[in-house]
Every structure is written in C-alpha cells, then in structure tokens.
Amino acid sequence: MIELDALDQGLVHALHLDGRVPFSRVAEALGSSEQTIARRYRRLRAEAGLRVVGLPVPERVGGSQWMVRLTTAPAATRNLAEALARRPDTSWVQLISGGTEVSAVLTTPGAGESSPSLLLHDLPRKAGITAVSAYCLLHTYLGGPTAWPGRLHGLDERQCELIRPSDGVPGGADTGAGTGTGTAAGAPVGGAEPFPSTVPRPLVGAESALVAALGRDGRASYAELASSTGLSQATVARRLAGLRADGALFFDVDLSSTVLGVSAQALLWLAVAPDRLDGVARAMAGHPELAAVFATTGRTNLMAKALCDSPAELHRYLTGRLSAIDGIQSLETAPVLQRVKGVGPHWAAGRVG
C-alpha cells in the first residue's frame, strides 16, 4: 500500500472541499502542474482505492438511512457481506464483532420504497442469518456532507480559499473528463448544519439518472454525464449546479483507511440521556478520532465510527476524551475487522480497506 506524501494529502483535502474541483486549481494551490496532479489522482485511484462519488442527501430528497446489523455463522459472514455489497442501496458494508456480524448502511430513496425488512427478502437463504437489528439514522452530526477531519490536513487556509469557489455558487467551465467544477463541498465540521433546513425535494425526471451517473464517478465530465442521461451538456451543468445549490447532492471521497495510517476501527453504540443527546453528539462531532456521528433509534440512541492509528490510541480515546463527556450512560464497542464496501452505491469486488 502506498504512503501519501504532502502532494497526495493536499489533493485528497482539495477533493473533500470540492469533489469536482479542476485539477488546474488544485495545481495552483499546491504549487504543482496540472499534469502532475492528474497523474497523482490516477495513481491514487489505482493503488489506494480513491473514488469521488456524487450522492444525494437523503433528508433533502425525501429519503432516509438505516444502519443494519446482521449476525450469522462465521463461515457464512463473508458471503453475506458480499451479497449486501452488491446491492445499489447499501454502503459501508463491514465485518464486525469477531467475524460473526455484518453491518451496513441502507439508503431508502423515499417513503415506503425500501426498508430493512424488504432487504432481508433479497438475501440468499444460505446466509444463515440468526439475528437482525435495524436502526434509523435520525440526524447526521458528522459524516455525509461533513467530512472526517482526519483527512483535512493537507492544505492551509490560504490554499483552501483557492480551492473553494469564491462566490460559493456552482460555475466554471467543464475542462474535460475528470475535471468538472461545482460548489465547494466544505461543509462545516463539529455538528454544524451542512445545509439550511427546508422541505425535502424528491429527485424528479432526469435528476435521478444524473445522480446515478455521479454515484459511479463523481468527476465524470459534462460530456460523459450527458451521454449517461440523454441530456445536453448545458442542461447537465445547470441541473448539477441546481442540485448542489439546493443541498440535495454532495460529493464524498472514498479512500482506503490504511493509507491514512488507520489500523484500529470500531463502531460505537452509545446510550445517552435524551436531554443530553444533542450536546454529547455535537461534542463528539468535534473529535478527530471520529469519522461519523449519528443520532439513531433503538436501545442506544447515538452511533459513531472511530478511526485510530492503533488499538492503544482507541483505548486512550475511549477512556479519555470520550469518557470525559457527561451524559453517556453506556457504550458498546464493535471492532471493524474488514471493510467490504465503502461510500456510494457501487461496489468494486476485492477492493477493501
């Protein structure tokens, strides 16, 4: 596995700020050439699993997300995880808790269109599932449009300003495959609302096809998106800009966690006193050890994902920074043994990290 140098880290940070930022602007910020940045991007795609994907914001388009936990016999766990990974409505499929449990995030496009119960009907009978738990993700404090701070250390503030569009509005010319433009995705970290709260607006007509194409490659050119959707390039550019301005679409970056020096991952399930839930979640969203924080339904009402350099660091986090927060009543720690599928609807078989 490759190690990220300063140029790689700057590129990853830039893609988090704006997944479709032109490489020319990244090169300007990093003091490099456009050709070098494009070459580094291709190398990270090939060797580190780097992907930029365009994803709908579920609560903004009338959908929802669920975390499902499925328990099965050890011999069947891998097959179950791969069956889940092949589904277009799943992401973050992981083997956890000693190799007998699989977790996954299930995204529903709209009310009544999908649910954890329907998911079970599509799984192979030989999976031998012995227990199922499903929790609705009620609110995102960290994750989705708000990027994990652990990846955002490659650029200083001056460089960040060069990456972000100065007016915050989608614009700029499409410069070819993999170098499109759009609004910055630099949503605030630490529990702040990434978008203003408004009435959900479901995707209509060609918007669904456009979002599906961006889910395959968030940096596809306008020409490629036009070919996928049957729209003109001008219409694609206008629709894409509108979705981003409305907060209905964001761009996420998928990258092998081992490249970032992460060797200990865990899902944390916390029970928090209801009157302390918001304060605890917002405090946790500012912890650099955490990549996601969600309020959930179920016996526990808060879920987080920890990414640490070592088991010892994870221990220090659990007994130090996390334990110092008042209001946490109980904690379950489920170690992540292997990631089978990452962000987005599409699965690259054999690519894990």
Protein backbone atom coordinates (compact mmCIF):
# COMPACT_ATOMS: atom_id res chain seq x y z
CA MET A 1 0.00 0.00 0.00
CA ILE A 2 1.33 3.43 -0.91
CA GLU A 3 2.12 6.20 1.56
CA LEU A 4 0.67 9.65 0.98
CA ASP A 5 3.19 12.46 0.61
CA ALA A 6 2.36 16.16 1.03
CA LEU A 7 1.13 16.49 -2.55
CA ASP A 8 -1.18 13.47 -2.21
CA GLN A 9 -2.56 14.77 1.08
CA GLY A 10 -3.21 18.16 -0.46
CA LEU A 11 -5.06 16.56 -3.37
CA VAL A 12 -7.24 14.45 -1.04
CA HIS A 13 -8.03 17.52 1.07
CA ALA A 14 -8.91 19.51 -2.07
CA LEU A 15 -11.30 16.80 -3.27
CA HIS A 16 -13.08 16.91 0.09
CA LEU A 17 -13.55 20.64 -0.28
CA ASP A 18 -14.87 20.27 -3.83
CA GLY A 19 -15.09 16.83 -5.40
CA ARG A 20 -15.22 18.32 -8.90
CA VAL A 21 -12.56 20.98 -8.48
CA PRO A 22 -10.49 21.42 -11.67
CA PHE A 23 -7.01 19.99 -11.40
CA SER A 24 -5.68 23.33 -12.62
CA ARG A 25 -6.97 24.98 -9.45
CA VAL A 26 -5.52 22.20 -7.26
CA ALA A 27 -2.19 22.64 -9.03
CA GLU A 28 -2.25 26.38 -8.38
CA ALA A 29 -2.98 25.83 -4.68
CA LEU A 30 -0.25 23.20 -4.31
CA GLY A 31 2.39 24.89 -6.47
CA SER A 32 2.46 22.00 -8.94
CA SER A 33 1.43 21.37 -12.53
CA GLU A 34 -1.99 20.24 -13.73
CA GLN A 35 -0.41 17.21 -15.38
CA THR A 36 1.26 16.17 -12.12
CA ILE A 37 -2.00 16.49 -10.16
CA ALA A 38 -3.88 14.45 -12.78
CA ARG A 39 -1.16 11.78 -12.66
CA ARG A 40 -1.32 11.65 -8.83
CA TYR A 41 -5.11 11.31 -8.99
CA ARG A 42 -4.88 8.36 -11.38
CA ARG A 43 -2.23 6.74 -9.16
CA LEU A 44 -4.37 7.10 -6.04
CA ARG A 45 -7.34 5.64 -7.89
CA ALA A 46 -5.31 2.61 -8.98
CA GLU A 47 -3.31 1.96 -5.82
CA ALA A 48 -5.28 3.44 -2.90
CA GLY A 49 -8.91 2.94 -3.96
CA LEU A 50 -9.55 6.69 -4.31
CA ARG A 51 -13.01 7.50 -5.66
CA VAL A 52 -15.07 10.65 -5.81
CA VAL A 53 -18.79 9.91 -5.79
CA GLY A 54 -21.82 12.16 -6.01
CA LEU A 55 -24.52 11.22 -3.50
CA PRO A 56 -27.97 12.53 -2.66
CA VAL A 57 -28.51 13.92 0.84
CA PRO A 58 -31.33 11.57 1.99
CA GLU A 59 -33.18 14.01 4.22
CA ARG A 60 -33.07 16.66 1.49
CA VAL A 61 -34.61 14.41 -1.18
CA GLY A 62 -37.23 12.69 0.97
CA GLY A 63 -35.25 9.52 1.71
CA SER A 64 -33.79 8.00 4.86
CA GLN A 65 -30.88 5.89 6.05
CA TRP A 66 -30.77 2.81 8.27
CA MET A 67 -27.92 1.01 9.97
CA VAL A 68 -28.48 -2.75 9.87
CA ARG A 69 -26.59 -5.37 11.90
CA LEU A 70 -26.85 -8.99 10.78
CA THR A 71 -25.45 -11.95 12.70
CA THR A 72 -24.64 -15.26 11.04
CA ALA A 73 -22.29 -18.26 11.33
CA PRO A 74 -18.60 -17.39 10.79
CA ALA A 75 -18.39 -19.47 7.61
CA ALA A 76 -21.25 -17.52 6.01
CA THR A 77 -20.28 -14.00 7.06
CA ARG A 78 -18.18 -13.14 4.02
CA ASN A 79 -20.85 -14.33 1.57
CA LEU A 80 -23.47 -12.30 3.43
CA ALA A 81 -21.29 -9.19 3.33
CA GLU A 82 -20.71 -9.55 -0.41
CA ALA A 83 -24.43 -10.07 -1.03
CA LEU A 84 -25.10 -6.82 0.80
CA ALA A 85 -22.27 -5.06 -1.05
CA ARG A 86 -23.76 -5.93 -4.45
CA ARG A 87 -26.93 -4.02 -3.63
CA PRO A 88 -27.13 -0.45 -5.03
CA ASP A 89 -28.92 0.79 -1.89
CA THR A 90 -26.13 -0.13 0.56
CA SER A 91 -22.87 1.49 1.61
CA TRP A 92 -20.29 0.96 4.36
CA VAL A 93 -20.64 -2.82 4.45
CA GLN A 94 -18.27 -4.08 7.15
CA LEU A 95 -17.37 -7.23 9.04
CA ILE A 96 -17.51 -6.53 12.78
CA SER A 97 -17.52 -8.14 16.22
CA GLY A 98 -15.34 -11.21 15.88
CA GLY A 99 -16.31 -12.09 12.31
CA THR A 100 -19.87 -13.25 13.02
CA GLU A 101 -21.60 -9.93 12.35
CA VAL A 102 -22.04 -7.68 9.32
CA SER A 103 -23.08 -4.03 9.44
CA ALA A 104 -24.28 -1.92 6.53
CA VAL A 105 -25.94 1.41 5.85
CA LEU A 106 -29.14 1.09 3.82
CA THR A 107 -30.34 4.18 1.96
CA THR A 108 -34.01 4.42 1.06
CA PRO A 109 -34.88 6.73 -1.86
CA GLY A 110 -38.29 7.69 -0.48
CA ALA A 111 -41.00 6.81 1.97
CA GLY A 112 -42.18 3.22 1.55
CA GLU A 113 -39.82 2.46 -1.35
CA SER A 114 -37.40 0.32 0.63
CA SER A 115 -36.85 -0.83 4.17
CA PRO A 116 -34.65 -3.19 6.18
CA SER A 117 -37.43 -5.80 6.11
CA LEU A 118 -37.52 -5.76 2.30
CA LEU A 119 -33.73 -6.11 2.24
CA LEU A 120 -33.93 -9.48 4.00
CA HIS A 121 -36.14 -10.96 1.28
CA ASP A 122 -33.36 -10.40 -1.28
CA LEU A 123 -30.54 -12.03 0.66
CA PRO A 124 -29.54 -15.62 -0.10
CA ARG A 125 -31.12 -18.23 2.18
CA LYS A 126 -27.74 -19.84 2.66
CA ALA A 127 -26.60 -16.72 4.50
CA GLY A 128 -27.93 -18.34 7.67
CA ILE A 129 -28.89 -15.09 9.38
CA THR A 130 -29.60 -15.66 13.07
CA ALA A 131 -30.23 -12.10 14.30
CA VAL A 132 -31.14 -8.76 12.74
CA SER A 133 -31.15 -5.25 14.17
CA ALA A 134 -32.09 -2.10 12.24
CA TYR A 135 -31.75 1.47 13.41
CA CYS A 136 -32.97 4.56 11.57
CA LEU A 137 -30.33 7.29 11.35
CA LEU A 138 -32.31 10.26 12.59
CA HIS A 139 -29.72 13.01 12.35
CA THR A 140 -26.19 13.33 10.99
CA TYR A 141 -23.78 15.24 13.23
CA LEU A 142 -20.66 14.11 11.38
CA GLY A 143 -20.41 12.17 8.12
CA GLY A 144 -22.01 12.55 4.71
CA PRO A 145 -21.58 16.19 3.66
CA THR A 146 -19.43 16.88 6.74
CA ALA A 147 -16.02 15.34 6.11
CA TRP A 148 -13.87 13.46 8.64
CA PRO A 149 -11.35 15.99 9.98
CA GLY A 150 -8.67 13.30 9.92
CA ARG A 151 -8.39 13.72 6.16
CA LEU A 152 -8.38 17.52 6.17
CA HIS A 153 -4.78 18.34 6.96
CA GLY A 154 -3.17 18.69 3.53
CA LEU A 155 -3.97 22.38 2.90
CA ASP A 156 -3.60 25.58 4.89
CA GLU A 157 -6.38 28.17 4.95
CA ARG A 158 -4.92 30.16 2.06
CA GLN A 159 -4.86 27.04 -0.10
CA CYS A 160 -8.40 26.13 0.97
CA GLU A 161 -9.60 29.52 -0.23
CA LEU A 162 -8.02 28.87 -3.62
CA ILE A 163 -9.93 25.57 -3.88
CA ARG A 164 -13.31 26.88 -2.78
CA PRO A 165 -15.26 28.88 -5.40
CA SER A 166 -15.06 32.49 -4.24
CA ASP A 167 -18.81 33.11 -4.63
CA GLY A 168 -19.92 29.73 -3.28
CA VAL A 169 -22.06 29.24 -6.41
CA PRO A 170 -21.57 26.45 -8.97
CA GLY A 171 -19.77 27.68 -12.01
CA GLY A 172 -16.71 27.43 -14.22
CA ALA A 173 -16.09 25.67 -17.47
CA ASP A 174 -16.01 21.92 -17.86
CA THR A 175 -12.44 21.16 -18.84
CA GLY A 176 -12.73 17.53 -19.84
CA ALA A 177 -13.02 14.11 -18.24
CA GLY A 178 -12.41 14.16 -14.53
CA THR A 179 -12.01 17.93 -14.24
CA GLY A 180 -15.52 19.28 -13.83
CA THR A 181 -16.43 22.07 -11.43
CA GLY A 182 -19.08 22.87 -8.88
CA THR A 183 -19.73 24.34 -5.48
CA ALA A 184 -17.34 23.61 -2.68
CA ALA A 185 -18.32 20.67 -0.52
CA GLY A 186 -16.55 22.10 2.52
CA ALA A 187 -19.44 21.73 4.94
CA PRO A 188 -18.61 22.71 8.49
CA VAL A 189 -17.23 20.17 10.93
CA GLY A 190 -18.28 19.76 14.53
CA GLY A 191 -22.03 19.30 14.38
CA ALA A 192 -23.00 22.43 12.45
CA GLU A 193 -25.82 22.08 9.96
CA PRO A 194 -24.30 21.49 6.49
CA PHE A 195 -27.37 22.87 4.73
CA PRO A 196 -30.33 25.04 5.75
CA SER A 197 -33.38 23.05 6.82
CA THR A 198 -36.14 23.19 4.22
CA VAL A 199 -38.92 20.95 2.96
CA PRO A 200 -37.47 17.82 1.24
CA ARG A 201 -37.46 17.91 -2.55
CA PRO A 202 -37.52 14.43 -4.16
CA LEU A 203 -35.45 13.89 -7.27
CA VAL A 204 -37.52 14.17 -10.43
CA GLY A 205 -37.09 13.05 -14.02
CA ALA A 206 -33.54 13.12 -15.31
CA GLU A 207 -32.19 14.18 -11.92
CA SER A 208 -32.29 10.55 -10.77
CA ALA A 209 -30.28 9.43 -13.80
CA LEU A 210 -27.79 12.26 -13.24
CA VAL A 211 -27.30 11.35 -9.57
CA ALA A 212 -26.90 7.68 -10.52
CA ALA A 213 -24.18 8.57 -13.01
CA LEU A 214 -22.38 10.70 -10.43
CA GLY A 215 -22.62 7.78 -7.99
CA ARG A 216 -20.48 5.81 -10.42
CA ASP A 217 -17.96 8.63 -10.97
CA GLY A 218 -18.37 11.98 -9.29
CA ARG A 219 -15.75 13.52 -11.58
CA ALA A 220 -17.32 12.44 -14.86
CA SER A 221 -17.21 15.21 -17.44
CA TYR A 222 -20.31 17.00 -18.65
CA ALA A 223 -19.99 15.11 -21.93
CA GLU A 224 -19.98 11.76 -20.11
CA LEU A 225 -22.90 12.79 -17.93
CA ALA A 226 -24.83 13.95 -20.98
CA SER A 227 -24.25 10.57 -22.61
CA SER A 228 -25.46 8.75 -19.48
CA THR A 229 -28.60 10.85 -19.03
CA GLY A 230 -29.66 11.77 -22.56
CA LEU A 231 -29.48 15.46 -21.66
CA SER A 232 -27.42 18.16 -23.30
CA GLN A 233 -24.19 19.22 -21.65
CA ALA A 234 -25.66 22.64 -20.87
CA THR A 235 -28.66 21.02 -19.19
CA VAL A 236 -26.43 18.66 -17.21
CA ALA A 237 -24.35 21.59 -15.97
CA ARG A 238 -27.48 23.52 -14.98
CA ARG A 239 -29.13 20.55 -13.23
CA LEU A 240 -25.92 19.67 -11.39
CA ALA A 241 -25.46 23.26 -10.22
CA GLY A 242 -29.08 23.37 -9.04
CA LEU A 243 -28.80 20.13 -7.05
CA ARG A 244 -25.66 21.34 -5.32
CA ALA A 245 -27.06 24.78 -4.58
CA ASP A 246 -30.18 23.18 -3.07
CA GLY A 247 -28.05 20.95 -0.84
CA ALA A 248 -29.63 17.86 -2.41
CA LEU A 249 -26.29 16.49 -3.68
CA PHE A 250 -22.82 16.32 -2.21
CA PHE A 251 -19.53 14.74 -3.24
CA ASP A 252 -17.73 12.30 -0.98
CA VAL A 253 -14.24 10.85 -1.21
CA ASP A 254 -13.60 7.15 -0.70
CA LEU A 255 -10.05 6.13 0.19
CA SER A 256 -8.53 3.10 1.87
CA SER A 257 -8.23 3.89 5.58
CA THR A 258 -4.92 2.03 5.80
CA VAL A 259 -3.38 4.65 3.50
CA LEU A 260 -4.29 7.23 6.15
CA GLY A 261 -2.48 5.24 8.86
CA VAL A 262 -5.64 3.83 10.43
CA SER A 263 -5.15 0.37 11.95
CA ALA A 264 -7.95 0.32 14.55
CA GLN A 265 -11.57 0.96 13.61
CA ALA A 266 -14.68 0.49 15.71
CA LEU A 267 -18.38 1.23 15.68
CA LEU A 268 -19.51 2.81 18.94
CA TRP A 269 -23.08 2.39 20.18
CA LEU A 270 -23.94 4.77 22.99
CA ALA A 271 -26.96 5.28 25.23
CA VAL A 272 -27.25 8.95 26.17
CA ALA A 273 -29.76 10.72 28.37
CA PRO A 274 -32.29 12.31 25.96
CA ASP A 275 -31.80 15.82 27.34
CA ARG A 276 -28.03 15.48 26.80
CA LEU A 277 -28.11 13.79 23.39
CA ASP A 278 -27.62 16.88 21.22
CA GLY A 279 -24.82 18.26 23.38
CA VAL A 280 -22.98 14.94 23.57
CA ALA A 281 -23.30 14.38 19.82
CA ARG A 282 -22.04 17.85 18.95
CA ALA A 283 -19.08 17.43 21.27
CA MET A 284 -18.23 14.06 19.71
CA ALA A 285 -18.52 15.50 16.20
CA GLY A 286 -15.51 17.67 17.01
CA HIS A 287 -13.31 14.72 17.99
CA PRO A 288 -10.62 13.98 15.37
CA GLU A 289 -10.80 10.25 16.20
CA LEU A 290 -14.37 10.04 14.85
CA ALA A 291 -15.38 9.85 11.19
CA ALA A 292 -19.17 9.69 11.73
CA VAL A 293 -21.69 10.54 14.44
CA PHE A 294 -25.42 9.80 14.09
CA ALA A 295 -28.46 10.01 16.34
CA THR A 296 -30.40 6.75 15.93
CA THR A 297 -33.46 4.86 17.00
CA GLY A 298 -33.13 1.70 19.11
CA ARG A 299 -31.89 0.69 22.55
CA THR A 300 -28.93 3.01 22.05
CA ASN A 301 -29.55 6.44 20.60
CA LEU A 302 -26.13 7.51 19.31
CA MET A 303 -23.76 5.75 16.92
CA ALA A 304 -20.23 6.76 15.93
CA LYS A 305 -17.33 5.36 13.94
CA ALA A 306 -13.82 5.66 15.39
CA LEU A 307 -10.68 5.59 13.24
CA CYS A 308 -7.42 5.40 15.20
CA ASP A 309 -3.78 4.75 14.46
CA SER A 310 -3.62 1.78 16.84
CA PRO A 311 -5.65 -0.21 19.38
CA ALA A 312 -3.79 1.67 22.12
CA GLU A 313 -4.94 5.00 20.68
CA LEU A 314 -8.51 3.73 20.51
CA HIS A 315 -8.26 2.74 24.17
CA ARG A 316 -6.93 6.17 25.09
CA TYR A 317 -9.79 7.82 23.23
CA LEU A 318 -12.48 5.69 24.90
CA THR A 319 -11.06 6.14 28.40
CA GLY A 320 -10.00 9.75 27.94
CA ARG A 321 -11.70 12.22 25.63
CA LEU A 322 -14.94 10.22 25.26
CA SER A 323 -15.32 9.28 28.93
CA ALA A 324 -14.95 12.93 29.91
CA ILE A 325 -18.29 13.80 28.29
CA ASP A 326 -21.17 13.90 30.76
CA GLY A 327 -24.42 12.17 29.81
CA ILE A 328 -23.13 8.90 28.35
CA GLN A 329 -24.90 6.06 30.16
CA SER A 330 -23.48 3.02 28.34
CA LEU A 331 -21.12 2.17 25.49
CA GLU A 332 -20.76 -0.85 23.20
CA THR A 333 -17.58 -1.06 21.12
CA ALA A 334 -17.76 -3.24 17.99
CA PRO A 335 -14.37 -3.58 16.25
CA VAL A 336 -14.38 -3.32 12.46
CA LEU A 337 -12.43 -6.26 11.09
CA GLN A 338 -12.76 -5.50 7.39
CA ARG A 339 -14.48 -3.04 5.10
CA VAL A 340 -16.11 -4.83 2.18
CA LYS A 341 -17.79 -1.80 0.62
CA GLY A 342 -17.25 1.89 1.24
CA VAL A 343 -19.17 5.02 0.39
CA GLY A 344 -21.61 5.09 -2.51
CA PRO A 345 -23.89 2.63 -4.27
CA HIS A 346 -21.32 0.80 -6.39
CA TRP A 347 -19.03 -1.96 -5.21
CA ALA A 348 -15.59 -2.80 -6.55
CA ALA A 349 -15.23 -6.50 -5.72
CA GLY A 350 -11.99 -7.32 -3.97
CA ARG A 351 -11.21 -3.71 -3.05
CA VAL A 352 -11.26 -3.32 0.71
CA GLY A 353 -9.53 -1.17 3.29
